[in-house]
Structure formats: C-alpha cells, structure tokens
Amino acid sequence: MHRHRRLCERAVDPLEIAAGLEAHGITDRTAARFRHRDVFSLAEELYARVPESTDGTTAERPARTPATTHAGRVGWTGRPDWTGWAALALLPGAVGSLTLVGLGHSGQRQLVTGLAGALALSGALSACLRRGPLRAEGRPVSAGGLWAYWLLAYLLCGDGLLEQLVSGGPDGPWPTTLTPLVALAFAMVPGAWCAHLFSVLARRRLAGSRGLADFSAGVRPLLLTLVGLYACALTGLSLLAALAFEDEDGGGTATTVTLGTLFLLARLLTVYGRPAAAVIGLAGACAVEALSCLTVLAGRLPGCEVLAAPVEAVVRTWGVGGVPALACGAASLGLLIHAAVALSRASAHT
C-alpha cells in the first residue's frame, strides 16, 4: 500500500488498481505471496483500505463518470454521442467519391479538382481521427502520419511506376488508380465501429474477469475476430468500389485490404498507448515498397542482376500489386501479433 499509495488514492474502482499493478509487473503469483488468489483480489483489498492523508482524513476519490474511458477520453462510449462520430465516419467516403466523379467530368481542370479533393479528404480523415473510437487524446502526432501518406501515395501510383521499372522504363507518366483510395475512405465506418466494439467489449470483459490470465484469454480472440470482420468489410467495399467506378483491375483488392488492416492495427495501438510499435509497422511497409523499386533500378547495373530477381519473381507470379500486398501483409501480421499481446493487458483499458 505504501509503494502504490498514489495509485490507490486516484483509482475510481478496483479494476484501475489491478491494471496499475499489472503495469508494474505484479502477477497472480506475486499476489499469492500476499495471501490473495489473484491480482484482482489484491486490488480489491487495496481499494478498500485507502491510505489516510497526512491530516488523518481519508483521501477523497475522484468521481467516476459513465462515459469516461482510458486515456481520459470522454463521450464516445455513451449512447448520446455515437451518432455523431458514426455520421462523421461517412464523410471521407463521400468526399472521395465526389472527387473521383469530379475528376471524370473536370476536363482540363483535373489538377485543380484533384488538389481540392485531396485537401478535402485529408481534412475529413483528420476530423474522424480527432473524434470517436479512433481518437488518441493526449498523445503527440508522431512520424506515423508521414509513413501513412507514403503508403497512400504508393497505393495511387506505385504499381504503375513499378510496372514501368520492371519493363525497362520509366518511359513517361505512369498510370494512377483512385478506386482503392475510395474504398479505404469508406472503410473508416467499419474501422470506427470495430474500434468501438473492441473498447466496449474489452472493458466489459475486464469487469467480469477474476484474473489477468482470464482477461487476456478473452480479449485476444475478440481482437482477432474484429480485425477479421474489418478485413471482410474492406474486401466488400473494395469490390463494390471497383464495380461502381468500372475498375477492371478489381481495385487492387489484396493491396487495399492489407493496407487498410495495417492502418487499423496501427491506429488501435496508437489509441491504446503503443504509438512506437505503430510507427515501426508503417515504416517497415514503406521501406519494403521503396526497396522494391530501388532494387529493380540497381539490377540494371553490370553484375547486379540478382538484386532485382526477387521483385521480378513476385511481379511474374502475382503482378505488380503483389509487392505492396506482401509488404503491408507482413507489417499487418507483425502488428497483429504485437497487438494481441499489448492490448490483452488490463492496463491498456483503464
């Protein structure tokens, strides 16, 4: 109690004390040394025996508000506010669709239309990330945003550039595709709902758990299920976008799904206090995409043909879209493994 005095005084319920003890490395085995069956039982006794303040009075606990969640975020878990962020999540998809339609009818003003649409889409995405389940209040903006823009830029024109590099070019402006970007913009809706469900169900699981191992065992399948549902939803959105805008390539479904899953996992880790891992995952995918183009160029040097062999083999087998799909897929798998460990800790949800 003396060592964790401040934690006990500030906690609004035993769950916060249990999460804090876990964050300090106290396990159920450690709790057994204090004659308790688990950390939750130990936390309940600490909560009941609040240390007295220096003037002899019992420390006053902060009041709990129904909508308060981890990281001090307020409002998006309650019913009155969910309609606001749910409607806001539709805004990026609407802006992306209007931009794509406008580019097809703007004639010689495509550059102006494209720039205006890009600025509007960037503003809509920023608004979604500042409110609702994907909000990460109190954490500084990291380099993850720059890596995310790189991945989006490669999604737009990277396949065309790589195709020309493999064929001996580039010989001129390479083609771009906007359909995957529209699918990703609409994916903000299922992404926000999956993040909301994960937060609500994880905290409900935390309230009903009687041990850290029990809580972790229940949260991991929940995370995997919601990520799988998001991937399925994004697959459907990608196919619908390709059908609506007559994209014969299918909208690069594999690349779109792996990139969207990578973005969701990176954002979840950022929201729950693991921004460094999110940046590493995004930067790793960017590095693979950049190296794929550089190795093709380096393979043109005498005696360096072997450098371009892996990328050329991937292109021959799966097409140019196989490179970003593998890069984002590998990064997503790494972040998913890390998230299954980091987000299954009770301290991540208080």
Protein backbone atom coordinates (compact mmCIF):
# COMPACT_ATOMS: atom_id res chain seq x y z
CA MET A 1 0.00 0.00 0.00
CA HIS A 2 2.88 2.35 0.71
CA ARG A 3 4.56 1.60 -2.61
CA HIS A 4 1.36 2.12 -4.63
CA ARG A 5 -0.19 4.82 -2.44
CA ARG A 6 -0.86 7.31 -5.25
CA LEU A 7 -2.42 4.62 -7.43
CA CYS A 8 -4.79 3.60 -4.63
CA GLU A 9 -5.81 7.19 -3.89
CA ARG A 10 -6.55 8.11 -7.51
CA ALA A 11 -8.30 4.90 -8.56
CA VAL A 12 -12.05 5.11 -9.03
CA ASP A 13 -12.56 1.33 -8.79
CA PRO A 14 -10.53 -1.84 -8.06
CA LEU A 15 -10.11 -2.50 -11.78
CA GLU A 16 -7.85 0.52 -12.17
CA ILE A 17 -5.71 -0.65 -9.27
CA ALA A 18 -5.47 -4.14 -10.80
CA ALA A 19 -4.42 -2.67 -14.14
CA GLY A 20 -1.87 -0.44 -12.45
CA LEU A 21 -0.40 -3.35 -10.50
CA GLU A 22 -0.14 -5.35 -13.72
CA ALA A 23 1.64 -2.47 -15.41
CA HIS A 24 4.18 -2.54 -12.55
CA GLY A 25 4.88 -6.22 -13.16
CA ILE A 26 2.76 -7.74 -10.38
CA THR A 27 1.25 -11.06 -11.45
CA ASP A 28 -1.15 -13.54 -9.86
CA ARG A 29 1.86 -15.43 -8.50
CA THR A 30 3.05 -12.27 -6.75
CA ALA A 31 -0.44 -11.73 -5.33
CA ALA A 32 -0.33 -15.24 -3.87
CA ARG A 33 2.59 -14.13 -1.68
CA PHE A 34 0.19 -11.64 -0.08
CA ARG A 35 -2.37 -14.40 0.55
CA HIS A 36 -4.63 -13.48 -2.39
CA ARG A 37 -5.74 -15.77 -5.18
CA ASP A 38 -5.07 -13.21 -7.95
CA VAL A 39 -4.25 -9.56 -8.67
CA PHE A 40 -7.94 -8.63 -8.79
CA SER A 41 -8.48 -9.84 -5.24
CA LEU A 42 -5.40 -7.96 -4.05
CA ALA A 43 -6.64 -4.82 -5.81
CA GLU A 44 -10.00 -5.05 -4.05
CA GLU A 45 -8.32 -5.05 -0.63
CA LEU A 46 -6.09 -2.13 -1.60
CA TYR A 47 -9.13 -0.23 -2.84
CA ALA A 48 -10.98 -0.89 0.40
CA ARG A 49 -8.04 0.15 2.58
CA VAL A 50 -7.27 3.58 1.14
CA PRO A 51 -4.30 5.14 2.96
CA GLU A 52 -5.12 8.13 5.11
CA SER A 53 -3.82 11.52 4.08
CA THR A 54 -1.34 13.48 6.17
CA ASP A 55 -4.09 15.28 8.09
CA GLY A 56 -5.66 12.00 9.22
CA THR A 57 -8.66 12.08 6.91
CA THR A 58 -9.38 9.52 4.25
CA ALA A 59 -8.30 10.56 0.77
CA GLU A 60 -11.19 11.64 -1.40
CA ARG A 61 -11.55 9.56 -4.54
CA PRO A 62 -12.29 11.14 -7.90
CA ALA A 63 -15.80 10.62 -9.10
CA ARG A 64 -16.41 8.21 -11.97
CA THR A 65 -18.32 9.47 -14.98
CA PRO A 66 -20.24 6.95 -17.07
CA ALA A 67 -18.61 7.93 -20.34
CA THR A 68 -15.03 8.11 -19.13
CA THR A 69 -12.63 5.61 -20.69
CA HIS A 70 -8.90 5.07 -20.91
CA ALA A 71 -6.60 7.99 -21.76
CA GLY A 72 -9.19 10.40 -20.35
CA ARG A 73 -11.34 10.30 -23.45
CA VAL A 74 -14.94 11.22 -22.75
CA GLY A 75 -18.12 10.98 -24.71
CA TRP A 76 -17.76 8.41 -27.48
CA THR A 77 -18.73 5.35 -25.42
CA GLY A 78 -22.07 6.75 -24.39
CA ARG A 79 -25.23 6.44 -26.47
CA PRO A 80 -25.91 10.16 -26.99
CA ASP A 81 -22.66 10.67 -28.90
CA TRP A 82 -22.28 7.59 -31.09
CA THR A 83 -24.45 9.03 -33.86
CA GLY A 84 -22.06 11.96 -34.18
CA TRP A 85 -18.88 10.01 -34.84
CA ALA A 86 -20.76 7.37 -36.86
CA ALA A 87 -22.02 10.05 -39.24
CA LEU A 88 -18.61 11.69 -39.32
CA ALA A 89 -17.04 8.39 -40.37
CA LEU A 90 -19.09 8.52 -43.58
CA LEU A 91 -17.60 11.87 -44.58
CA PRO A 92 -14.24 10.61 -46.04
CA GLY A 93 -16.03 8.12 -48.29
CA ALA A 94 -18.41 10.78 -49.56
CA VAL A 95 -15.57 13.21 -50.25
CA GLY A 96 -13.53 10.53 -52.04
CA SER A 97 -16.46 9.51 -54.23
CA LEU A 98 -17.27 13.10 -55.19
CA THR A 99 -13.61 13.74 -56.01
CA LEU A 100 -13.41 10.68 -58.26
CA VAL A 101 -16.63 11.64 -60.05
CA GLY A 102 -15.41 15.22 -60.39
CA LEU A 103 -12.13 14.10 -61.97
CA GLY A 104 -14.08 12.29 -64.66
CA HIS A 105 -16.03 15.46 -65.59
CA SER A 106 -13.48 18.21 -64.99
CA GLY A 107 -11.74 18.10 -68.38
CA GLN A 108 -8.63 20.26 -68.31
CA ARG A 109 -9.18 21.18 -64.65
CA GLN A 110 -8.30 17.75 -63.32
CA LEU A 111 -5.26 19.08 -61.45
CA VAL A 112 -7.30 21.68 -59.58
CA THR A 113 -10.06 19.18 -58.87
CA GLY A 114 -7.57 16.60 -57.65
CA LEU A 115 -5.79 19.01 -55.32
CA ALA A 116 -9.06 20.30 -53.89
CA GLY A 117 -10.32 16.75 -53.39
CA ALA A 118 -7.05 15.68 -51.71
CA LEU A 119 -7.21 18.59 -49.26
CA ALA A 120 -10.87 17.93 -48.51
CA LEU A 121 -10.23 14.21 -47.98
CA SER A 122 -7.27 14.92 -45.71
CA GLY A 123 -9.43 17.26 -43.62
CA ALA A 124 -12.23 14.69 -43.40
CA LEU A 125 -9.83 11.96 -42.27
CA SER A 126 -8.30 14.26 -39.66
CA ALA A 127 -11.76 15.07 -38.32
CA CYS A 128 -12.56 11.35 -37.98
CA LEU A 129 -9.33 10.67 -36.12
CA ARG A 130 -9.97 13.51 -33.67
CA ARG A 131 -13.34 12.25 -32.52
CA GLY A 132 -14.81 8.89 -31.71
CA PRO A 133 -13.22 5.50 -31.06
CA LEU A 134 -10.15 6.26 -33.19
CA ARG A 135 -9.23 9.32 -31.17
CA ALA A 136 -5.89 9.32 -29.37
CA GLU A 137 -6.14 12.24 -26.98
CA GLY A 138 -3.07 13.48 -25.16
CA ARG A 139 -0.54 11.79 -27.42
CA PRO A 140 1.68 13.80 -29.75
CA VAL A 141 1.45 13.40 -33.51
CA SER A 142 4.26 11.04 -34.45
CA ALA A 143 6.02 10.22 -37.71
CA GLY A 144 3.31 7.63 -38.36
CA GLY A 145 1.32 10.20 -40.33
CA LEU A 146 4.17 10.70 -42.80
CA TRP A 147 4.57 6.96 -43.34
CA ALA A 148 0.79 6.65 -43.82
CA TYR A 149 0.84 9.31 -46.55
CA TRP A 150 3.71 7.46 -48.24
CA LEU A 151 1.69 4.24 -48.27
CA LEU A 152 -1.31 6.06 -49.72
CA ALA A 153 0.87 7.67 -52.40
CA TYR A 154 2.24 4.27 -53.38
CA LEU A 155 -1.31 2.91 -53.46
CA LEU A 156 -2.20 5.60 -56.00
CA CYS A 157 0.75 5.39 -58.37
CA GLY A 158 3.28 2.89 -57.06
CA ASP A 159 2.06 -0.08 -59.08
CA GLY A 160 2.27 1.89 -62.32
CA LEU A 161 5.80 3.03 -61.53
CA LEU A 162 6.99 -0.46 -60.60
CA GLU A 163 5.46 -1.93 -63.75
CA GLN A 164 7.39 0.53 -65.91
CA LEU A 165 10.60 -0.09 -63.97
CA VAL A 166 10.34 -3.85 -64.46
CA SER A 167 9.70 -3.40 -68.19
CA GLY A 168 12.78 -1.17 -68.60
CA GLY A 169 11.29 2.28 -68.05
CA PRO A 170 10.05 4.60 -66.86
CA ASP A 171 9.15 5.86 -70.30
CA GLY A 172 6.74 8.58 -69.25
CA PRO A 173 3.98 9.38 -66.78
CA TRP A 174 2.78 6.19 -65.13
CA PRO A 175 -0.91 5.47 -64.58
CA THR A 176 -2.66 6.09 -61.28
CA THR A 177 -5.73 4.50 -59.73
CA LEU A 178 -8.09 6.18 -57.27
CA THR A 179 -10.59 3.39 -56.67
CA PRO A 180 -8.67 1.78 -53.76
CA LEU A 181 -8.48 5.17 -52.05
CA VAL A 182 -12.27 5.47 -52.17
CA ALA A 183 -12.64 2.00 -50.64
CA LEU A 184 -10.23 2.92 -47.84
CA ALA A 185 -12.12 6.16 -47.23
CA PHE A 186 -15.39 4.29 -46.78
CA ALA A 187 -13.55 1.78 -44.56
CA MET A 188 -13.47 4.44 -41.84
CA VAL A 189 -17.02 3.33 -40.96
CA PRO A 190 -16.29 -0.34 -40.17
CA GLY A 191 -12.93 0.66 -38.68
CA ALA A 192 -14.55 3.04 -36.19
CA TRP A 193 -17.22 0.52 -35.27
CA CYS A 194 -14.68 -2.27 -34.75
CA ALA A 195 -12.63 0.02 -32.50
CA HIS A 196 -15.78 0.97 -30.58
CA LEU A 197 -16.85 -2.64 -30.10
CA PHE A 198 -13.36 -3.65 -29.01
CA SER A 199 -13.28 -0.95 -26.35
CA VAL A 200 -16.76 -1.70 -25.01
CA LEU A 201 -16.43 -5.50 -25.02
CA ALA A 202 -12.89 -5.44 -23.61
CA ARG A 203 -13.94 -3.25 -20.65
CA ARG A 204 -16.97 -5.47 -20.11
CA ARG A 205 -14.64 -8.45 -20.09
CA LEU A 206 -12.38 -6.64 -17.65
CA ALA A 207 -15.29 -6.06 -15.27
CA GLY A 208 -16.23 -9.74 -15.32
CA SER A 209 -12.73 -11.24 -15.09
CA ARG A 210 -11.26 -12.61 -11.90
CA GLY A 211 -7.68 -12.88 -13.08
CA LEU A 212 -5.24 -11.35 -15.55
CA ALA A 213 -4.85 -14.60 -17.46
CA ASP A 214 -8.62 -14.94 -17.75
CA PHE A 215 -8.91 -11.41 -19.12
CA SER A 216 -6.10 -11.91 -21.64
CA ALA A 217 -7.58 -15.19 -22.85
CA GLY A 218 -10.87 -13.45 -23.56
CA VAL A 219 -9.50 -10.31 -25.24
CA ARG A 220 -7.19 -11.97 -27.77
CA PRO A 221 -9.92 -13.82 -29.71
CA LEU A 222 -12.05 -10.68 -29.53
CA LEU A 223 -9.30 -8.66 -31.20
CA LEU A 224 -8.71 -11.31 -33.88
CA THR A 225 -12.43 -11.56 -34.60
CA LEU A 226 -12.91 -7.81 -35.01
CA VAL A 227 -9.84 -7.49 -37.25
CA GLY A 228 -11.17 -10.34 -39.37
CA LEU A 229 -14.59 -8.67 -39.63
CA TYR A 230 -12.93 -5.42 -40.68
CA ALA A 231 -10.91 -7.21 -43.37
CA CYS A 232 -14.09 -8.84 -44.71
CA ALA A 233 -15.90 -5.50 -44.75
CA LEU A 234 -12.99 -3.83 -46.54
CA THR A 235 -12.93 -6.62 -49.12
CA GLY A 236 -16.58 -5.99 -49.89
CA LEU A 237 -16.03 -2.23 -50.09
CA SER A 238 -13.10 -2.70 -52.46
CA LEU A 239 -15.13 -4.91 -54.80
CA LEU A 240 -18.10 -2.53 -54.70
CA ALA A 241 -15.87 0.46 -55.45
CA ALA A 242 -14.31 -1.37 -58.40
CA LEU A 243 -17.78 -2.24 -59.71
CA ALA A 244 -19.18 1.26 -59.20
CA PHE A 245 -16.27 3.03 -60.90
CA GLU A 246 -15.68 0.32 -63.53
CA ASP A 247 -12.18 -0.58 -62.43
CA GLU A 248 -11.17 -3.66 -64.41
CA ASP A 249 -8.31 -4.42 -62.02
CA GLY A 250 -10.74 -5.06 -59.19
CA GLY A 251 -9.49 -2.07 -57.29
CA GLY A 252 -6.32 -3.89 -56.17
CA THR A 253 -8.33 -5.76 -53.55
CA ALA A 254 -5.42 -7.60 -51.93
CA THR A 255 -3.37 -4.42 -51.56
CA THR A 256 -6.35 -2.42 -50.32
CA VAL A 257 -7.31 -4.99 -47.68
CA THR A 258 -3.78 -5.47 -46.34
CA LEU A 259 -3.13 -1.72 -46.26
CA GLY A 260 -6.44 -0.99 -44.55
CA THR A 261 -5.80 -3.69 -41.96
CA LEU A 262 -2.35 -2.22 -41.33
CA PHE A 263 -3.86 1.23 -40.80
CA LEU A 264 -6.48 -0.14 -38.37
CA LEU A 265 -3.95 -2.02 -36.25
CA ALA A 266 -1.57 0.94 -36.22
CA ARG A 267 -4.36 3.25 -35.08
CA LEU A 268 -5.55 0.87 -32.37
CA LEU A 269 -2.03 0.62 -30.98
CA THR A 270 -1.76 4.42 -31.02
CA VAL A 271 -5.09 4.85 -29.25
CA TYR A 272 -4.09 2.38 -26.54
CA GLY A 273 -0.70 3.93 -25.88
CA ARG A 274 1.63 1.99 -28.22
CA PRO A 275 2.44 4.59 -30.92
CA ALA A 276 6.07 3.45 -31.33
CA ALA A 277 5.01 -0.01 -32.48
CA ALA A 278 2.54 1.55 -34.94
CA VAL A 279 5.28 3.73 -36.45
CA ILE A 280 7.61 0.75 -36.80
CA GLY A 281 4.96 -1.24 -38.66
CA LEU A 282 4.12 1.58 -41.05
CA ALA A 283 7.78 2.43 -41.65
CA GLY A 284 8.60 -1.22 -42.34
CA ALA A 285 5.96 -1.44 -45.06
CA CYS A 286 7.23 1.81 -46.59
CA ALA A 287 10.81 0.51 -46.58
CA VAL A 288 9.84 -2.67 -48.43
CA GLU A 289 7.95 -0.72 -51.10
CA ALA A 290 10.80 1.75 -51.58
CA LEU A 291 13.43 -1.00 -51.72
CA SER A 292 11.41 -2.92 -54.30
CA CYS A 293 11.73 0.00 -56.73
CA LEU A 294 15.37 0.69 -55.86
CA THR A 295 16.43 -2.93 -56.28
CA VAL A 296 14.88 -3.05 -59.76
CA LEU A 297 16.93 0.02 -60.70
CA ALA A 298 20.05 -1.40 -59.07
CA GLY A 299 19.60 -4.63 -61.04
CA ARG A 300 20.38 -2.75 -64.23
CA LEU A 301 23.99 -2.27 -63.13
CA PRO A 302 26.51 -4.77 -64.51
CA GLY A 303 26.74 -7.83 -62.27
CA CYS A 304 23.85 -6.73 -60.04
CA GLU A 305 21.03 -8.52 -61.83
CA VAL A 306 20.48 -10.73 -58.80
CA LEU A 307 19.24 -7.73 -56.79
CA ALA A 308 16.15 -7.36 -58.96
CA ALA A 309 15.39 -11.09 -59.11
CA PRO A 310 13.10 -11.27 -56.00
CA VAL A 311 10.91 -8.36 -57.09
CA GLU A 312 10.71 -9.62 -60.68
CA ALA A 313 9.72 -13.07 -59.40
CA VAL A 314 6.91 -11.56 -57.32
CA VAL A 315 5.70 -9.49 -60.28
CA ARG A 316 5.70 -12.52 -62.58
CA THR A 317 3.75 -14.59 -60.05
CA TRP A 318 1.22 -12.13 -58.59
CA GLY A 319 1.60 -8.98 -60.68
CA VAL A 320 2.87 -5.60 -59.56
CA GLY A 321 0.21 -5.49 -56.84
CA GLY A 322 1.88 -8.42 -55.11
CA VAL A 323 4.74 -6.24 -53.82
CA PRO A 324 2.66 -3.81 -51.72
CA ALA A 325 0.31 -6.62 -50.71
CA LEU A 326 3.21 -8.63 -49.29
CA ALA A 327 4.77 -5.56 -47.67
CA CYS A 328 1.57 -4.43 -45.96
CA GLY A 329 0.52 -8.00 -45.18
CA ALA A 330 3.79 -8.77 -43.39
CA ALA A 331 3.62 -5.49 -41.46
CA SER A 332 -0.02 -6.18 -40.52
CA LEU A 333 0.87 -9.63 -39.25
CA GLY A 334 3.64 -8.21 -37.10
CA LEU A 335 1.37 -5.53 -35.63
CA LEU A 336 -1.39 -8.07 -35.05
CA ILE A 337 0.95 -10.29 -33.02
CA HIS A 338 2.13 -7.29 -31.02
CA ALA A 339 -1.43 -6.03 -30.50
CA ALA A 340 -2.58 -9.46 -29.33
CA VAL A 341 -0.03 -9.19 -26.53
CA ALA A 342 -0.16 -5.46 -25.74
CA LEU A 343 -3.92 -4.97 -25.91
CA SER A 344 -4.68 -8.07 -23.87
CA ARG A 345 -3.20 -6.39 -20.78
CA ALA A 346 -5.65 -4.88 -18.34
CA SER A 347 -3.55 -1.73 -18.06
CA ALA A 348 -4.30 -0.89 -21.70
CA HIS A 349 -8.02 -0.49 -20.98
CA THR A 350 -8.06 1.84 -17.96
